[in-house]
Amino acid sequence: MISSNAFSFVNVLEKTADATYLRHEVISNNIANNDTPNYKRKDIKFETYLKSELESGSDLASAVSNINLDKLNASVYTDRSELSYRTDGNNVDIATENANLAENQIRYYTLLDSMTQEFSRLKSVLQK
């Protein structure tokens, strides 16, 4: 009854949670370097990779089961390196970083909750 793709959603959620955790580290690093001259804020690219992988199927279930998890990795990049908000060359806006951090924390806990729900569904199926 359970196919080999039973954990596909969990695997994708796990990769997404890993990217969200990495984003937390990157944002924290941005905040820590708020006063570092010439520091340029960093961010991660993940959502575009996920979106392109999910477009491969006719529906969500088939797209998730066909995702190549090796291609689904976050990458860190320097955001707007040519831009500087201040005379010291730094482009970190602390208010924006704090808002991004709060949003990212909500996203991370939502992903963990989604994984818990997915495991509960699997457990329910196995108990019947």
N, C-alpha and C. Protein backbone atom coordinates (compact mmCIF):
# COMPACT_ATOMS: atom_id res chain seq x y z
N MET A 1 0.81 -1.19 0.00
CA MET A 1 0.00 0.00 0.00
C MET A 1 0.86 1.26 0.00
N ILE A 2 1.93 1.27 0.72
CA ILE A 2 2.82 2.43 0.76
C ILE A 2 3.86 2.27 -0.33
N SER A 3 3.90 3.23 -1.21
CA SER A 3 4.87 3.15 -2.31
C SER A 3 6.24 3.59 -1.83
N SER A 4 7.21 3.47 -2.70
CA SER A 4 8.57 3.87 -2.35
C SER A 4 8.69 5.38 -2.22
N ASN A 5 7.67 6.12 -2.68
CA ASN A 5 7.67 7.57 -2.59
C ASN A 5 6.92 8.07 -1.35
N ALA A 6 6.73 7.22 -0.37
CA ALA A 6 5.96 7.58 0.81
C ALA A 6 6.58 8.76 1.56
N PHE A 7 7.87 8.92 1.49
CA PHE A 7 8.54 9.99 2.22
C PHE A 7 8.93 11.16 1.33
N SER A 8 8.41 11.22 0.13
CA SER A 8 8.78 12.30 -0.80
C SER A 8 8.50 13.68 -0.23
N PHE A 9 7.30 13.85 0.32
CA PHE A 9 6.96 15.15 0.89
C PHE A 9 7.86 15.48 2.07
N VAL A 10 8.14 14.49 2.90
CA VAL A 10 9.01 14.72 4.06
C VAL A 10 10.42 15.10 3.59
N ASN A 11 10.91 14.44 2.55
CA ASN A 11 12.24 14.75 2.04
C ASN A 11 12.32 16.18 1.52
N VAL A 12 11.29 16.60 0.81
CA VAL A 12 11.27 17.98 0.29
C VAL A 12 11.15 18.97 1.45
N LEU A 13 10.31 18.66 2.41
CA LEU A 13 10.18 19.53 3.58
C LEU A 13 11.50 19.61 4.35
N GLU A 14 12.20 18.50 4.43
CA GLU A 14 13.50 18.49 5.12
C GLU A 14 14.50 19.39 4.40
N LYS A 15 14.57 19.30 3.08
CA LYS A 15 15.48 20.15 2.30
C LYS A 15 15.12 21.62 2.48
N THR A 16 13.82 21.90 2.51
CA THR A 16 13.36 23.27 2.70
C THR A 16 13.70 23.77 4.10
N ALA A 17 13.55 22.92 5.10
CA ALA A 17 13.91 23.29 6.47
C ALA A 17 15.42 23.53 6.57
N ASP A 18 16.21 22.71 5.89
CA ASP A 18 17.67 22.93 5.88
C ASP A 18 18.02 24.28 5.28
N ALA A 19 17.35 24.65 4.19
CA ALA A 19 17.58 25.95 3.56
C ALA A 19 17.16 27.09 4.49
N THR A 20 16.07 26.89 5.19
CA THR A 20 15.59 27.90 6.13
C THR A 20 16.56 28.06 7.30
N TYR A 21 17.12 26.96 7.75
CA TYR A 21 18.12 27.00 8.83
C TYR A 21 19.37 27.75 8.35
N LEU A 22 19.79 27.47 7.12
CA LEU A 22 20.94 28.18 6.55
C LEU A 22 20.64 29.67 6.45
N ARG A 23 19.42 30.02 6.02
CA ARG A 23 19.05 31.43 5.94
C ARG A 23 19.12 32.09 7.31
N HIS A 24 18.71 31.37 8.35
CA HIS A 24 18.82 31.89 9.72
C HIS A 24 20.27 32.24 10.05
N GLU A 25 21.18 31.34 9.72
CA GLU A 25 22.60 31.59 9.98
C GLU A 25 23.11 32.79 9.19
N VAL A 26 22.70 32.91 7.94
CA VAL A 26 23.14 34.02 7.09
C VAL A 26 22.60 35.34 7.61
N ILE A 27 21.32 35.38 7.98
CA ILE A 27 20.73 36.61 8.52
C ILE A 27 21.40 36.98 9.83
N SER A 28 21.65 36.00 10.69
CA SER A 28 22.34 36.27 11.95
C SER A 28 23.72 36.85 11.71
N ASN A 29 24.39 36.34 10.69
CA ASN A 29 25.71 36.86 10.33
C ASN A 29 25.60 38.30 9.82
N ASN A 30 24.56 38.58 9.05
CA ASN A 30 24.34 39.96 8.60
C ASN A 30 24.16 40.90 9.78
N ILE A 31 23.35 40.47 10.75
CA ILE A 31 23.11 41.29 11.94
C ILE A 31 24.41 41.49 12.72
N ALA A 32 25.19 40.43 12.85
CA ALA A 32 26.46 40.53 13.58
C ALA A 32 27.45 41.48 12.89
N ASN A 33 27.33 41.60 11.57
CA ASN A 33 28.24 42.47 10.82
C ASN A 33 27.63 43.83 10.50
N ASN A 34 26.62 44.21 11.21
CA ASN A 34 25.95 45.48 10.99
C ASN A 34 26.91 46.67 11.06
N ASP A 35 27.92 46.60 11.91
CA ASP A 35 28.86 47.71 12.09
C ASP A 35 30.19 47.48 11.39
N THR A 36 30.30 46.44 10.56
CA THR A 36 31.55 46.15 9.86
C THR A 36 31.62 46.98 8.58
N PRO A 37 32.63 47.85 8.47
CA PRO A 37 32.75 48.66 7.24
C PRO A 37 32.91 47.78 6.00
N ASN A 38 32.23 48.19 4.94
CA ASN A 38 32.27 47.53 3.63
C ASN A 38 31.67 46.12 3.60
N TYR A 39 31.01 45.72 4.66
CA TYR A 39 30.34 44.41 4.65
C TYR A 39 29.10 44.52 3.78
N LYS A 40 28.86 43.51 2.98
CA LYS A 40 27.69 43.44 2.13
C LYS A 40 26.81 42.28 2.60
N ARG A 41 25.52 42.57 2.73
CA ARG A 41 24.61 41.56 3.25
C ARG A 41 24.56 40.35 2.32
N LYS A 42 24.28 39.22 2.90
CA LYS A 42 24.17 37.98 2.15
C LYS A 42 22.77 37.41 2.34
N ASP A 43 22.39 36.57 1.42
CA ASP A 43 21.11 35.87 1.49
C ASP A 43 21.31 34.52 0.82
N ILE A 44 20.27 33.71 0.81
CA ILE A 44 20.37 32.42 0.14
C ILE A 44 19.36 32.36 -1.01
N LYS A 45 19.69 31.54 -1.96
CA LYS A 45 18.79 31.28 -3.08
C LYS A 45 18.34 29.83 -2.95
N PHE A 46 17.04 29.65 -2.77
CA PHE A 46 16.49 28.31 -2.66
C PHE A 46 15.12 28.20 -3.32
N GLU A 47 14.28 29.18 -3.09
CA GLU A 47 12.91 29.10 -3.56
C GLU A 47 12.82 28.93 -5.08
N THR A 48 13.71 29.57 -5.82
CA THR A 48 13.68 29.42 -7.28
C THR A 48 14.06 28.01 -7.70
N TYR A 49 15.00 27.40 -6.96
CA TYR A 49 15.36 26.01 -7.25
C TYR A 49 14.17 25.08 -6.98
N LEU A 50 13.51 25.30 -5.86
CA LEU A 50 12.35 24.49 -5.50
C LEU A 50 11.23 24.67 -6.52
N LYS A 51 10.97 25.90 -6.89
CA LYS A 51 9.91 26.16 -7.87
C LYS A 51 10.19 25.48 -9.20
N SER A 52 11.42 25.55 -9.67
CA SER A 52 11.73 24.92 -10.96
C SER A 52 11.62 23.41 -10.88
N GLU A 53 11.95 22.83 -9.74
CA GLU A 53 11.80 21.38 -9.58
C GLU A 53 10.33 20.97 -9.50
N LEU A 54 9.50 21.79 -8.87
CA LEU A 54 8.09 21.45 -8.72
C LEU A 54 7.30 21.63 -10.01
N GLU A 55 7.83 22.38 -10.95
CA GLU A 55 7.13 22.58 -12.22
C GLU A 55 7.23 21.37 -13.14
N SER A 56 7.97 20.35 -12.73
CA SER A 56 8.18 19.19 -13.59
C SER A 56 7.00 18.22 -13.64
N GLY A 57 6.07 18.32 -12.71
CA GLY A 57 4.96 17.38 -12.67
C GLY A 57 3.64 18.01 -13.04
N SER A 58 2.68 17.16 -13.36
CA SER A 58 1.35 17.65 -13.73
C SER A 58 0.55 18.08 -12.50
N ASP A 59 0.84 17.48 -11.36
CA ASP A 59 0.22 17.89 -10.11
C ASP A 59 1.29 17.86 -9.02
N LEU A 60 0.94 18.36 -7.84
CA LEU A 60 1.93 18.49 -6.77
C LEU A 60 2.51 17.14 -6.35
N ALA A 61 1.66 16.14 -6.21
CA ALA A 61 2.14 14.82 -5.76
C ALA A 61 3.15 14.22 -6.74
N SER A 62 2.87 14.30 -8.02
CA SER A 62 3.81 13.75 -9.00
C SER A 62 5.07 14.59 -9.08
N ALA A 63 4.92 15.90 -8.94
CA ALA A 63 6.11 16.77 -8.98
C ALA A 63 7.03 16.48 -7.80
N VAL A 64 6.43 16.32 -6.61
CA VAL A 64 7.24 16.05 -5.42
C VAL A 64 7.91 14.68 -5.52
N SER A 65 7.22 13.70 -6.03
CA SER A 65 7.81 12.36 -6.12
C SER A 65 8.92 12.29 -7.17
N ASN A 66 8.93 13.24 -8.12
CA ASN A 66 9.96 13.24 -9.16
C ASN A 66 11.08 14.24 -8.92
N ILE A 67 11.08 14.90 -7.80
CA ILE A 67 12.12 15.91 -7.52
C ILE A 67 13.47 15.23 -7.36
N ASN A 68 14.46 15.83 -7.98
CA ASN A 68 15.84 15.40 -7.80
C ASN A 68 16.39 16.15 -6.58
N LEU A 69 16.46 15.48 -5.45
CA LEU A 69 16.88 16.13 -4.21
C LEU A 69 18.31 16.63 -4.26
N ASP A 70 19.14 16.06 -5.13
CA ASP A 70 20.51 16.53 -5.25
C ASP A 70 20.58 17.94 -5.83
N LYS A 71 19.58 18.32 -6.62
CA LYS A 71 19.54 19.66 -7.20
C LYS A 71 18.91 20.68 -6.26
N LEU A 72 18.36 20.21 -5.19
CA LEU A 72 17.60 21.06 -4.28
C LEU A 72 18.46 21.48 -3.09
N ASN A 73 19.46 22.31 -3.36
CA ASN A 73 20.35 22.81 -2.32
C ASN A 73 20.38 24.33 -2.36
N ALA A 74 20.42 24.93 -1.20
CA ALA A 74 20.48 26.38 -1.10
C ALA A 74 21.90 26.86 -1.40
N SER A 75 21.98 28.05 -1.97
CA SER A 75 23.29 28.66 -2.20
C SER A 75 23.30 30.07 -1.63
N VAL A 76 24.41 30.43 -1.02
CA VAL A 76 24.57 31.75 -0.42
C VAL A 76 25.11 32.70 -1.48
N TYR A 77 24.56 33.89 -1.52
CA TYR A 77 25.05 34.91 -2.45
C TYR A 77 25.10 36.27 -1.75
N THR A 78 25.88 37.17 -2.30
CA THR A 78 25.95 38.53 -1.79
C THR A 78 24.86 39.34 -2.46
N ASP A 79 24.03 39.94 -1.64
CA ASP A 79 22.86 40.66 -2.14
C ASP A 79 23.20 42.12 -2.37
N ARG A 80 22.98 42.59 -3.59
CA ARG A 80 23.17 43.99 -3.96
C ARG A 80 24.52 44.54 -3.52
N SER A 81 25.57 43.90 -3.99
CA SER A 81 26.92 44.29 -3.58
C SER A 81 27.29 45.70 -4.00
N GLU A 82 26.61 46.22 -5.02
CA GLU A 82 26.91 47.58 -5.49
C GLU A 82 26.21 48.64 -4.65
N LEU A 83 25.27 48.25 -3.80
CA LEU A 83 24.47 49.17 -3.02
C LEU A 83 25.05 49.36 -1.63
N SER A 84 25.02 50.60 -1.15
CA SER A 84 25.46 50.88 0.20
C SER A 84 24.54 51.92 0.81
N TYR A 85 24.02 51.64 1.99
CA TYR A 85 23.13 52.57 2.68
C TYR A 85 23.88 53.63 3.46
N ARG A 86 25.12 53.36 3.73
CA ARG A 86 25.86 54.23 4.63
C ARG A 86 27.20 54.63 4.02
N THR A 87 27.84 55.59 4.65
CA THR A 87 29.12 56.08 4.14
C THR A 87 30.25 55.07 4.36
N ASP A 88 30.06 54.13 5.27
CA ASP A 88 31.12 53.15 5.53
C ASP A 88 31.09 51.97 4.55
N GLY A 89 30.18 51.98 3.57
CA GLY A 89 30.12 50.94 2.55
C GLY A 89 29.29 49.73 2.92
N ASN A 90 28.75 49.69 4.12
CA ASN A 90 27.93 48.58 4.58
C ASN A 90 26.51 48.73 4.01
N ASN A 91 25.89 47.63 3.62
CA ASN A 91 24.52 47.72 3.11
C ASN A 91 23.52 46.92 3.94
N VAL A 92 23.83 46.70 5.21
CA VAL A 92 22.93 45.98 6.10
C VAL A 92 21.99 46.98 6.77
N ASP A 93 20.69 46.74 6.62
CA ASP A 93 19.68 47.52 7.33
C ASP A 93 19.17 46.65 8.47
N ILE A 94 19.47 47.03 9.69
CA ILE A 94 19.19 46.18 10.84
C ILE A 94 17.70 45.92 11.02
N ALA A 95 16.85 46.89 10.72
CA ALA A 95 15.41 46.68 10.86
C ALA A 95 14.92 45.64 9.85
N THR A 96 15.42 45.71 8.64
CA THR A 96 15.05 44.73 7.61
C THR A 96 15.54 43.34 7.99
N GLU A 97 16.76 43.26 8.49
CA GLU A 97 17.31 41.96 8.89
C GLU A 97 16.52 41.35 10.03
N ASN A 98 16.12 42.16 11.00
CA ASN A 98 15.31 41.65 12.11
C ASN A 98 13.95 41.16 11.62
N ALA A 99 13.35 41.88 10.69
CA ALA A 99 12.07 41.44 10.12
C ALA A 99 12.26 40.14 9.33
N ASN A 100 13.35 40.06 8.56
CA ASN A 100 13.64 38.82 7.81
C ASN A 100 13.88 37.65 8.75
N LEU A 101 14.54 37.91 9.85
CA LEU A 101 14.81 36.86 10.83
C LEU A 101 13.51 36.34 11.44
N ALA A 102 12.61 37.25 11.80
CA ALA A 102 11.32 36.85 12.37
C ALA A 102 10.51 36.04 11.36
N GLU A 103 10.46 36.52 10.12
CA GLU A 103 9.74 35.79 9.07
C GLU A 103 10.33 34.40 8.85
N ASN A 104 11.64 34.32 8.85
CA ASN A 104 12.32 33.04 8.64
C ASN A 104 12.06 32.07 9.79
N GLN A 105 12.01 32.58 11.02
CA GLN A 105 11.72 31.71 12.16
C GLN A 105 10.32 31.14 12.06
N ILE A 106 9.37 31.96 11.66
CA ILE A 106 7.99 31.48 11.48
C ILE A 106 7.96 30.41 10.39
N ARG A 107 8.66 30.66 9.30
CA ARG A 107 8.72 29.69 8.20
C ARG A 107 9.31 28.36 8.70
N TYR A 108 10.39 28.43 9.47
CA TYR A 108 11.06 27.22 9.95
C TYR A 108 10.13 26.39 10.84
N TYR A 109 9.46 27.05 11.78
CA TYR A 109 8.56 26.31 12.67
C TYR A 109 7.35 25.77 11.93
N THR A 110 6.90 26.47 10.91
CA THR A 110 5.81 25.98 10.08
C THR A 110 6.24 24.72 9.33
N LEU A 111 7.46 24.72 8.81
CA LEU A 111 7.98 23.53 8.12
C LEU A 111 8.09 22.35 9.08
N LEU A 112 8.57 22.60 10.29
CA LEU A 112 8.66 21.52 11.27
C LEU A 112 7.27 20.96 11.60
N ASP A 113 6.29 21.86 11.72
CA ASP A 113 4.93 21.42 11.97
C ASP A 113 4.40 20.60 10.80
N SER A 114 4.70 21.02 9.58
CA SER A 114 4.26 20.27 8.40
C SER A 114 4.88 18.88 8.36
N MET A 115 6.16 18.77 8.74
CA MET A 115 6.80 17.45 8.79
C MET A 115 6.15 16.57 9.84
N THR A 116 5.83 17.15 10.99
CA THR A 116 5.16 16.40 12.05
C THR A 116 3.80 15.89 11.58
N GLN A 117 3.06 16.74 10.88
CA GLN A 117 1.77 16.32 10.35
C GLN A 117 1.92 15.21 9.31
N GLU A 118 2.94 15.31 8.48
CA GLU A 118 3.16 14.28 7.46
C GLU A 118 3.49 12.93 8.12
N PHE A 119 4.31 12.96 9.16
CA PHE A 119 4.63 11.72 9.88
C PHE A 119 3.38 11.18 10.58
N SER A 120 2.54 12.06 11.09
CA SER A 120 1.30 11.61 11.72
C SER A 120 0.40 10.92 10.71
N ARG A 121 0.33 11.44 9.49
CA ARG A 121 -0.46 10.79 8.45
C ARG A 121 0.09 9.41 8.12
N LEU A 122 1.39 9.32 7.99
CA LEU A 122 2.02 8.02 7.71
C LEU A 122 1.77 7.04 8.86
N LYS A 123 1.89 7.53 10.07
CA LYS A 123 1.64 6.68 11.24
C LYS A 123 0.20 6.19 11.24
N SER A 124 -0.72 7.07 10.91
CA SER A 124 -2.14 6.71 10.87
C SER A 124 -2.39 5.60 9.84
N VAL A 125 -1.78 5.71 8.69
CA VAL A 125 -1.94 4.71 7.63
C VAL A 125 -1.37 3.37 8.10
N LEU A 126 -0.22 3.41 8.76
CA LEU A 126 0.42 2.16 9.20
C LEU A 126 -0.37 1.47 10.31
N GLN A 127 -1.10 2.22 11.11
CA GLN A 127 -1.85 1.64 12.21
C GLN A 127 -3.15 0.97 11.76
N LYS A 128 -3.60 1.26 10.58
CA LYS A 128 -4.87 0.70 10.12
C LYS A 128 -4.71 -0.61 9.42
